[in-house]
Amino acid sequence: MADIWTTIAAERGALADDLAALTPAQWETPSLCSEWTVRDVVAHLSATAAMSPAKFFAGMARAGFSFAKFSR
């Protein structure tokens, strides 16, 4: 199990290094996700690091159980 967390930490560090090199224009570049910029996708992906099942279901309830609304 410790190997998994070591790998996760290394991958997160590598991603942070890659993201630190982005220019302001690159952050605002449209992504392959309809209506989302690179900034939106990174925020969405990184938010899952702090997501728990309880937070997920509470957020879904606040969004009227619309996954699209919850994701935005």
N, C-alpha and C. Protein backbone atom coordinates (compact mmCIF):
# COMPACT_ATOMS: atom_id res chain seq x y z
N MET A 1 0.82 -1.19 0.00
CA MET A 1 0.00 0.00 0.00
C MET A 1 0.87 1.26 0.00
N ALA A 2 1.99 1.22 0.72
CA ALA A 2 2.88 2.38 0.77
C ALA A 2 3.42 2.72 -0.61
N ASP A 3 3.66 1.70 -1.44
CA ASP A 3 4.15 1.94 -2.80
C ASP A 3 3.14 2.73 -3.62
N ILE A 4 1.87 2.44 -3.42
CA ILE A 4 0.82 3.15 -4.15
C ILE A 4 0.86 4.63 -3.80
N TRP A 5 0.94 4.95 -2.51
CA TRP A 5 0.93 6.35 -2.10
C TRP A 5 2.21 7.07 -2.52
N THR A 6 3.32 6.35 -2.57
CA THR A 6 4.56 6.94 -3.07
C THR A 6 4.40 7.30 -4.54
N THR A 7 3.81 6.40 -5.30
CA THR A 7 3.57 6.64 -6.73
C THR A 7 2.60 7.80 -6.92
N ILE A 8 1.53 7.82 -6.14
CA ILE A 8 0.55 8.91 -6.24
C ILE A 8 1.22 10.25 -5.94
N ALA A 9 2.02 10.30 -4.90
CA ALA A 9 2.71 11.54 -4.54
C ALA A 9 3.65 11.98 -5.66
N ALA A 10 4.36 11.04 -6.25
CA ALA A 10 5.27 11.38 -7.35
C ALA A 10 4.52 11.91 -8.56
N GLU A 11 3.40 11.27 -8.89
CA GLU A 11 2.59 11.71 -10.03
C GLU A 11 1.98 13.09 -9.79
N ARG A 12 1.51 13.33 -8.58
CA ARG A 12 0.97 14.66 -8.25
C ARG A 12 2.06 15.72 -8.35
N GLY A 13 3.26 15.40 -7.90
CA GLY A 13 4.37 16.35 -8.01
C GLY A 13 4.73 16.63 -9.45
N ALA A 14 4.75 15.60 -10.28
CA ALA A 14 5.05 15.78 -11.71
C ALA A 14 3.98 16.62 -12.38
N LEU A 15 2.72 16.39 -12.03
CA LEU A 15 1.63 17.20 -12.59
C LEU A 15 1.77 18.65 -12.16
N ALA A 16 2.08 18.88 -10.90
CA ALA A 16 2.25 20.26 -10.41
C ALA A 16 3.38 20.96 -11.17
N ASP A 17 4.46 20.24 -11.43
CA ASP A 17 5.56 20.82 -12.20
C ASP A 17 5.11 21.19 -13.61
N ASP A 18 4.37 20.30 -14.25
CA ASP A 18 3.86 20.58 -15.60
C ASP A 18 2.92 21.78 -15.60
N LEU A 19 2.04 21.85 -14.63
CA LEU A 19 1.07 22.94 -14.57
C LEU A 19 1.74 24.28 -14.26
N ALA A 20 2.81 24.26 -13.48
CA ALA A 20 3.51 25.49 -13.14
C ALA A 20 4.12 26.15 -14.37
N ALA A 21 4.36 25.35 -15.39
CA ALA A 21 4.97 25.89 -16.61
C ALA A 21 3.96 26.47 -17.60
N LEU A 22 2.66 26.32 -17.32
CA LEU A 22 1.66 26.83 -18.25
C LEU A 22 1.60 28.36 -18.22
N THR A 23 1.40 28.94 -19.38
CA THR A 23 1.23 30.40 -19.48
C THR A 23 -0.24 30.74 -19.18
N PRO A 24 -0.54 32.00 -18.88
CA PRO A 24 -1.94 32.38 -18.66
C PRO A 24 -2.83 32.02 -19.86
N ALA A 25 -2.32 32.19 -21.05
CA ALA A 25 -3.12 31.84 -22.24
C ALA A 25 -3.41 30.34 -22.30
N GLN A 26 -2.44 29.53 -21.92
CA GLN A 26 -2.65 28.08 -21.95
C GLN A 26 -3.72 27.65 -20.94
N TRP A 27 -3.78 28.33 -19.79
CA TRP A 27 -4.81 28.01 -18.80
C TRP A 27 -6.21 28.27 -19.36
N GLU A 28 -6.33 29.25 -20.23
CA GLU A 28 -7.63 29.62 -20.78
C GLU A 28 -7.95 28.94 -22.10
N THR A 29 -7.08 28.05 -22.56
CA THR A 29 -7.30 27.31 -23.80
C THR A 29 -8.51 26.40 -23.66
N PRO A 30 -9.39 26.36 -24.66
CA PRO A 30 -10.51 25.41 -24.61
C PRO A 30 -9.98 23.97 -24.55
N SER A 31 -10.63 23.15 -23.77
CA SER A 31 -10.23 21.75 -23.65
C SER A 31 -11.09 20.89 -24.58
N LEU A 32 -10.88 19.60 -24.51
CA LEU A 32 -11.71 18.69 -25.28
C LEU A 32 -13.08 18.48 -24.64
N CYS A 33 -13.25 18.96 -23.41
CA CYS A 33 -14.55 18.90 -22.74
C CYS A 33 -15.36 20.14 -23.13
N SER A 34 -16.50 19.92 -23.68
CA SER A 34 -17.33 21.01 -24.17
C SER A 34 -17.51 22.11 -23.12
N GLU A 35 -17.20 23.33 -23.51
CA GLU A 35 -17.38 24.54 -22.69
C GLU A 35 -16.41 24.67 -21.52
N TRP A 36 -15.39 23.82 -21.43
CA TRP A 36 -14.44 23.89 -20.33
C TRP A 36 -13.08 24.31 -20.84
N THR A 37 -12.38 25.13 -20.07
CA THR A 37 -10.99 25.49 -20.37
C THR A 37 -10.07 24.48 -19.69
N VAL A 38 -8.78 24.60 -19.98
CA VAL A 38 -7.79 23.77 -19.30
C VAL A 38 -7.90 24.00 -17.79
N ARG A 39 -8.09 25.25 -17.39
CA ARG A 39 -8.23 25.58 -15.95
C ARG A 39 -9.41 24.82 -15.33
N ASP A 40 -10.54 24.78 -16.03
CA ASP A 40 -11.72 24.08 -15.52
C ASP A 40 -11.45 22.59 -15.34
N VAL A 41 -10.80 21.98 -16.32
CA VAL A 41 -10.51 20.54 -16.25
C VAL A 41 -9.56 20.24 -15.10
N VAL A 42 -8.52 21.04 -14.94
CA VAL A 42 -7.56 20.81 -13.86
C VAL A 42 -8.27 20.97 -12.50
N ALA A 43 -9.11 21.98 -12.38
CA ALA A 43 -9.85 22.16 -11.12
C ALA A 43 -10.75 20.96 -10.84
N HIS A 44 -11.42 20.49 -11.86
CA HIS A 44 -12.32 19.35 -11.71
C HIS A 44 -11.54 18.10 -11.28
N LEU A 45 -10.42 17.84 -11.95
CA LEU A 45 -9.64 16.66 -11.63
C LEU A 45 -8.99 16.74 -10.26
N SER A 46 -8.51 17.91 -9.89
CA SER A 46 -7.84 18.04 -8.60
C SER A 46 -8.83 18.05 -7.44
N ALA A 47 -10.06 18.45 -7.69
CA ALA A 47 -11.07 18.47 -6.63
C ALA A 47 -11.35 17.07 -6.09
N THR A 48 -11.16 16.07 -6.93
CA THR A 48 -11.45 14.71 -6.47
C THR A 48 -10.48 14.26 -5.38
N ALA A 49 -9.34 14.90 -5.25
CA ALA A 49 -8.38 14.52 -4.20
C ALA A 49 -8.96 14.78 -2.82
N ALA A 50 -9.89 15.72 -2.71
CA ALA A 50 -10.51 16.05 -1.43
C ALA A 50 -11.94 15.53 -1.33
N MET A 51 -12.38 14.77 -2.33
CA MET A 51 -13.76 14.29 -2.37
C MET A 51 -13.90 13.00 -1.57
N SER A 52 -14.93 12.94 -0.77
CA SER A 52 -15.27 11.71 -0.06
C SER A 52 -16.67 11.30 -0.51
N PRO A 53 -17.07 10.08 -0.27
CA PRO A 53 -18.44 9.71 -0.65
C PRO A 53 -19.50 10.63 -0.04
N ALA A 54 -19.32 11.02 1.20
CA ALA A 54 -20.30 11.90 1.85
C ALA A 54 -20.36 13.26 1.16
N LYS A 55 -19.19 13.83 0.83
CA LYS A 55 -19.15 15.12 0.14
C LYS A 55 -19.76 15.00 -1.25
N PHE A 56 -19.48 13.88 -1.93
CA PHE A 56 -20.02 13.67 -3.27
C PHE A 56 -21.55 13.67 -3.24
N PHE A 57 -22.12 12.85 -2.36
CA PHE A 57 -23.59 12.75 -2.33
C PHE A 57 -24.24 14.03 -1.82
N ALA A 58 -23.59 14.73 -0.90
CA ALA A 58 -24.14 16.01 -0.45
C ALA A 58 -24.12 17.03 -1.59
N GLY A 59 -23.04 17.05 -2.36
CA GLY A 59 -22.96 17.95 -3.51
C GLY A 59 -23.98 17.60 -4.57
N MET A 60 -24.17 16.31 -4.81
CA MET A 60 -25.17 15.88 -5.79
C MET A 60 -26.57 16.30 -5.33
N ALA A 61 -26.84 16.17 -4.05
CA ALA A 61 -28.15 16.58 -3.53
C ALA A 61 -28.36 18.08 -3.72
N ARG A 62 -27.31 18.88 -3.45
CA ARG A 62 -27.42 20.33 -3.64
C ARG A 62 -27.63 20.69 -5.10
N ALA A 63 -27.13 19.85 -6.00
CA ALA A 63 -27.27 20.09 -7.44
C ALA A 63 -28.53 19.45 -8.00
N GLY A 64 -29.43 19.02 -7.13
CA GLY A 64 -30.67 18.41 -7.58
C GLY A 64 -30.44 17.08 -8.28
N PHE A 65 -29.37 16.40 -7.92
CA PHE A 65 -28.97 15.11 -8.49
C PHE A 65 -28.72 15.19 -9.99
N SER A 66 -28.30 16.37 -10.44
CA SER A 66 -27.87 16.56 -11.82
C SER A 66 -26.35 16.53 -11.83
N PHE A 67 -25.76 15.47 -12.44
CA PHE A 67 -24.30 15.37 -12.45
C PHE A 67 -23.68 16.51 -13.23
N ALA A 68 -24.31 16.94 -14.32
CA ALA A 68 -23.78 18.06 -15.10
C ALA A 68 -23.70 19.33 -14.25
N LYS A 69 -24.76 19.60 -13.50
CA LYS A 69 -24.77 20.80 -12.63
C LYS A 69 -23.74 20.64 -11.52
N PHE A 70 -23.65 19.46 -10.94
CA PHE A 70 -22.69 19.19 -9.88
C PHE A 70 -21.25 19.41 -10.40
N SER A 71 -20.97 18.95 -11.60
CA SER A 71 -19.63 19.07 -12.17
C SER A 71 -19.26 20.53 -12.41
N ARG A 72 -20.21 21.33 -12.83
CA ARG A 72 -19.93 22.75 -13.06
C ARG A 72 -19.68 23.45 -11.75
